[in-house]
């Protein structure tokens, strides 16, 4: 996410990213992970993945991991 998408939402960038991943790699499924920033600004990841799943005809799975902590 960029500063702009953190302020104004990342809906369009996410849609573009999913389309680009599908176009480049032709995967059998795409997984979209959330972040603290997407949770704070309230992006509706589920509705975006649902829309994209219908459009590109493969599973687009949201993985909700806001606030996930790593030991890395």
N, C-alpha and C. Protein backbone atom coordinates (compact mmCIF):
# COMPACT_ATOMS: atom_id res chain seq x y z
N UNK A 1 0.84 -1.18 0.00
CA UNK A 1 0.00 0.00 0.00
C UNK A 1 0.88 1.24 0.00
N UNK A 2 0.45 2.23 -0.72
CA UNK A 2 1.14 3.52 -0.74
C UNK A 2 0.46 4.46 0.25
N UNK A 3 1.05 5.63 0.43
CA UNK A 3 0.43 6.62 1.31
C UNK A 3 -0.97 6.97 0.82
N UNK A 4 -1.11 7.16 -0.48
CA UNK A 4 -2.43 7.51 -1.04
C UNK A 4 -3.46 6.43 -0.76
N UNK A 5 -3.09 5.16 -0.97
CA UNK A 5 -4.08 4.10 -0.75
C UNK A 5 -4.37 3.92 0.74
N UNK A 6 -3.41 4.28 1.59
CA UNK A 6 -3.67 4.21 3.02
C UNK A 6 -4.69 5.28 3.43
N UNK A 7 -4.64 6.41 2.79
CA UNK A 7 -5.58 7.49 3.10
C UNK A 7 -6.92 7.29 2.39
N UNK A 8 -6.88 6.98 1.11
CA UNK A 8 -8.09 6.94 0.30
C UNK A 8 -8.65 5.53 0.06
N UNK A 9 -7.96 4.52 0.53
CA UNK A 9 -8.40 3.14 0.32
C UNK A 9 -7.66 2.49 -0.83
N UNK A 10 -7.52 1.19 -0.75
CA UNK A 10 -6.74 0.47 -1.75
C UNK A 10 -7.56 -0.40 -2.68
N UNK A 11 -8.86 -0.18 -2.71
CA UNK A 11 -9.77 -1.02 -3.50
C UNK A 11 -9.33 -1.17 -4.96
N UNK A 12 -9.10 -0.07 -5.64
CA UNK A 12 -8.73 -0.13 -7.06
C UNK A 12 -7.37 -0.79 -7.27
N UNK A 13 -6.41 -0.47 -6.41
CA UNK A 13 -5.09 -1.09 -6.53
C UNK A 13 -5.16 -2.59 -6.31
N UNK A 14 -5.98 -3.02 -5.38
CA UNK A 14 -6.13 -4.45 -5.12
C UNK A 14 -6.73 -5.15 -6.33
N UNK A 15 -7.76 -4.57 -6.90
CA UNK A 15 -8.39 -5.15 -8.10
C UNK A 15 -7.36 -5.25 -9.24
N UNK A 16 -6.59 -4.19 -9.45
CA UNK A 16 -5.56 -4.19 -10.49
C UNK A 16 -4.50 -5.26 -10.21
N UNK A 17 -4.10 -5.38 -8.95
CA UNK A 17 -3.09 -6.37 -8.58
C UNK A 17 -3.56 -7.79 -8.80
N UNK A 18 -4.80 -8.06 -8.47
CA UNK A 18 -5.36 -9.40 -8.68
C UNK A 18 -5.42 -9.70 -10.18
N UNK A 19 -5.88 -8.75 -10.97
CA UNK A 19 -5.94 -8.94 -12.43
C UNK A 19 -4.55 -9.19 -13.01
N UNK A 20 -3.58 -8.41 -12.56
CA UNK A 20 -2.21 -8.56 -13.06
C UNK A 20 -1.63 -9.91 -12.68
N UNK A 21 -1.85 -10.35 -11.45
CA UNK A 21 -1.36 -11.66 -11.01
C UNK A 21 -1.98 -12.77 -11.86
N UNK A 22 -3.27 -12.65 -12.13
CA UNK A 22 -3.95 -13.66 -12.95
C UNK A 22 -3.40 -13.66 -14.38
N UNK A 23 -3.23 -12.48 -14.94
CA UNK A 23 -2.75 -12.35 -16.32
C UNK A 23 -1.33 -12.91 -16.46
N UNK A 24 -0.46 -12.60 -15.51
CA UNK A 24 0.94 -13.02 -15.59
C UNK A 24 1.15 -14.50 -15.30
N UNK A 25 0.51 -15.00 -14.25
CA UNK A 25 0.85 -16.32 -13.74
C UNK A 25 -0.19 -17.40 -13.99
N UNK A 26 -1.40 -17.03 -14.38
CA UNK A 26 -2.49 -18.00 -14.60
C UNK A 26 -2.60 -19.02 -13.44
N UNK A 27 -2.72 -18.52 -12.21
CA UNK A 27 -2.80 -19.44 -11.06
C UNK A 27 -4.15 -20.13 -11.00
N UNK A 28 -4.20 -21.21 -10.22
CA UNK A 28 -5.47 -21.92 -10.00
C UNK A 28 -6.28 -21.23 -8.90
N UNK A 29 -5.61 -20.42 -8.09
CA UNK A 29 -6.27 -19.65 -7.02
C UNK A 29 -5.36 -18.48 -6.65
N UNK A 30 -5.96 -17.45 -6.08
CA UNK A 30 -5.20 -16.30 -5.59
C UNK A 30 -5.62 -16.06 -4.14
N UNK A 31 -4.63 -15.89 -3.26
CA UNK A 31 -4.89 -15.60 -1.86
C UNK A 31 -4.50 -14.15 -1.59
N UNK A 32 -5.38 -13.41 -0.93
CA UNK A 32 -5.15 -12.00 -0.62
C UNK A 32 -5.07 -11.87 0.90
N UNK A 33 -3.91 -11.42 1.39
CA UNK A 33 -3.77 -11.24 2.83
C UNK A 33 -4.04 -9.78 3.19
N UNK A 34 -4.64 -9.60 4.34
CA UNK A 34 -4.91 -8.25 4.82
C UNK A 34 -3.72 -7.76 5.64
N UNK A 35 -3.74 -6.49 5.97
CA UNK A 35 -2.68 -5.90 6.79
C UNK A 35 -3.32 -5.00 7.83
N UNK A 36 -2.50 -4.51 8.73
CA UNK A 36 -3.01 -3.56 9.72
C UNK A 36 -3.59 -2.34 9.03
N UNK A 37 -2.90 -1.84 8.01
CA UNK A 37 -3.37 -0.63 7.32
C UNK A 37 -4.72 -0.85 6.66
N UNK A 38 -4.91 -1.99 6.00
CA UNK A 38 -6.20 -2.23 5.34
C UNK A 38 -7.32 -2.35 6.37
N UNK A 39 -7.01 -2.88 7.55
CA UNK A 39 -8.02 -2.98 8.60
C UNK A 39 -8.35 -1.61 9.18
N UNK A 40 -7.34 -0.80 9.39
CA UNK A 40 -7.55 0.52 9.98
C UNK A 40 -8.41 1.40 9.08
N UNK A 41 -8.16 1.37 7.77
CA UNK A 41 -8.93 2.23 6.87
C UNK A 41 -10.25 1.60 6.47
N UNK A 42 -10.43 0.33 6.79
CA UNK A 42 -11.72 -0.31 6.58
C UNK A 42 -11.99 -0.80 5.17
N UNK A 43 -10.94 -1.12 4.41
CA UNK A 43 -11.16 -1.70 3.08
C UNK A 43 -11.94 -3.00 3.22
N UNK A 44 -12.95 -3.17 2.40
CA UNK A 44 -13.78 -4.38 2.43
C UNK A 44 -13.17 -5.43 1.51
N UNK A 45 -12.19 -6.13 2.03
CA UNK A 45 -11.43 -7.11 1.25
C UNK A 45 -12.34 -8.24 0.76
N UNK A 46 -13.27 -8.67 1.59
CA UNK A 46 -14.16 -9.78 1.22
C UNK A 46 -14.98 -9.44 -0.02
N UNK A 47 -15.55 -8.25 -0.07
CA UNK A 47 -16.37 -7.91 -1.25
C UNK A 47 -15.51 -7.80 -2.51
N UNK A 48 -14.29 -7.30 -2.36
CA UNK A 48 -13.39 -7.19 -3.51
C UNK A 48 -13.02 -8.57 -4.03
N UNK A 49 -12.67 -9.48 -3.12
CA UNK A 49 -12.29 -10.83 -3.56
C UNK A 49 -13.48 -11.56 -4.17
N UNK A 50 -14.67 -11.34 -3.62
CA UNK A 50 -15.88 -11.95 -4.21
C UNK A 50 -16.11 -11.45 -5.64
N UNK A 51 -15.98 -10.15 -5.84
CA UNK A 51 -16.15 -9.57 -7.18
C UNK A 51 -15.13 -10.13 -8.16
N UNK A 52 -13.88 -10.19 -7.73
CA UNK A 52 -12.82 -10.64 -8.62
C UNK A 52 -12.95 -12.13 -8.94
N UNK A 53 -13.41 -12.91 -7.97
CA UNK A 53 -13.61 -14.34 -8.20
C UNK A 53 -14.61 -14.55 -9.34
N UNK A 54 -15.67 -13.77 -9.35
CA UNK A 54 -16.67 -13.87 -10.42
C UNK A 54 -16.09 -13.42 -11.76
N UNK A 55 -15.25 -12.40 -11.71
CA UNK A 55 -14.69 -11.84 -12.94
C UNK A 55 -13.64 -12.74 -13.59
N UNK A 56 -12.72 -13.30 -12.78
CA UNK A 56 -11.63 -14.08 -13.38
C UNK A 56 -11.86 -15.59 -13.31
N UNK A 57 -12.92 -16.00 -12.65
CA UNK A 57 -13.38 -17.40 -12.64
C UNK A 57 -12.40 -18.40 -12.01
N UNK A 58 -11.68 -17.93 -10.98
CA UNK A 58 -10.88 -18.82 -10.13
C UNK A 58 -11.12 -18.39 -8.69
N UNK A 59 -10.82 -19.26 -7.71
CA UNK A 59 -10.98 -18.83 -6.31
C UNK A 59 -10.04 -17.67 -5.97
N UNK A 60 -10.60 -16.64 -5.36
CA UNK A 60 -9.82 -15.51 -4.84
C UNK A 60 -10.17 -15.45 -3.35
N UNK A 61 -9.22 -15.89 -2.53
CA UNK A 61 -9.48 -16.16 -1.12
C UNK A 61 -8.88 -15.07 -0.23
N UNK A 62 -9.72 -14.39 0.57
CA UNK A 62 -9.17 -13.43 1.52
C UNK A 62 -8.63 -14.15 2.75
N UNK A 63 -7.46 -13.73 3.21
CA UNK A 63 -6.86 -14.27 4.43
C UNK A 63 -6.75 -13.11 5.40
N UNK A 64 -7.58 -13.14 6.43
CA UNK A 64 -7.64 -12.03 7.38
C UNK A 64 -6.59 -12.20 8.46
N UNK A 65 -5.55 -11.38 8.41
CA UNK A 65 -4.45 -11.50 9.38
C UNK A 65 -4.03 -10.14 9.92
N UNK A 66 -5.00 -9.25 10.11
CA UNK A 66 -4.70 -7.96 10.71
C UNK A 66 -4.16 -8.19 12.12
N UNK A 67 -3.13 -7.46 12.45
CA UNK A 67 -2.59 -7.58 13.79
C UNK A 67 -1.73 -8.81 14.00
N UNK A 68 -1.45 -9.56 12.94
CA UNK A 68 -0.59 -10.74 13.06
C UNK A 68 0.81 -10.29 13.46
N UNK A 69 1.40 -11.03 14.39
CA UNK A 69 2.75 -10.69 14.82
C UNK A 69 3.70 -11.80 14.45
N UNK A 70 4.88 -11.41 14.07
CA UNK A 70 5.91 -12.36 13.67
C UNK A 70 7.11 -12.20 14.58
N UNK A 71 7.90 -13.25 14.67
CA UNK A 71 9.13 -13.17 15.45
C UNK A 71 10.32 -12.85 14.57
N UNK A 72 10.04 -12.50 13.31
CA UNK A 72 11.13 -12.18 12.37
C UNK A 72 11.62 -10.78 12.63
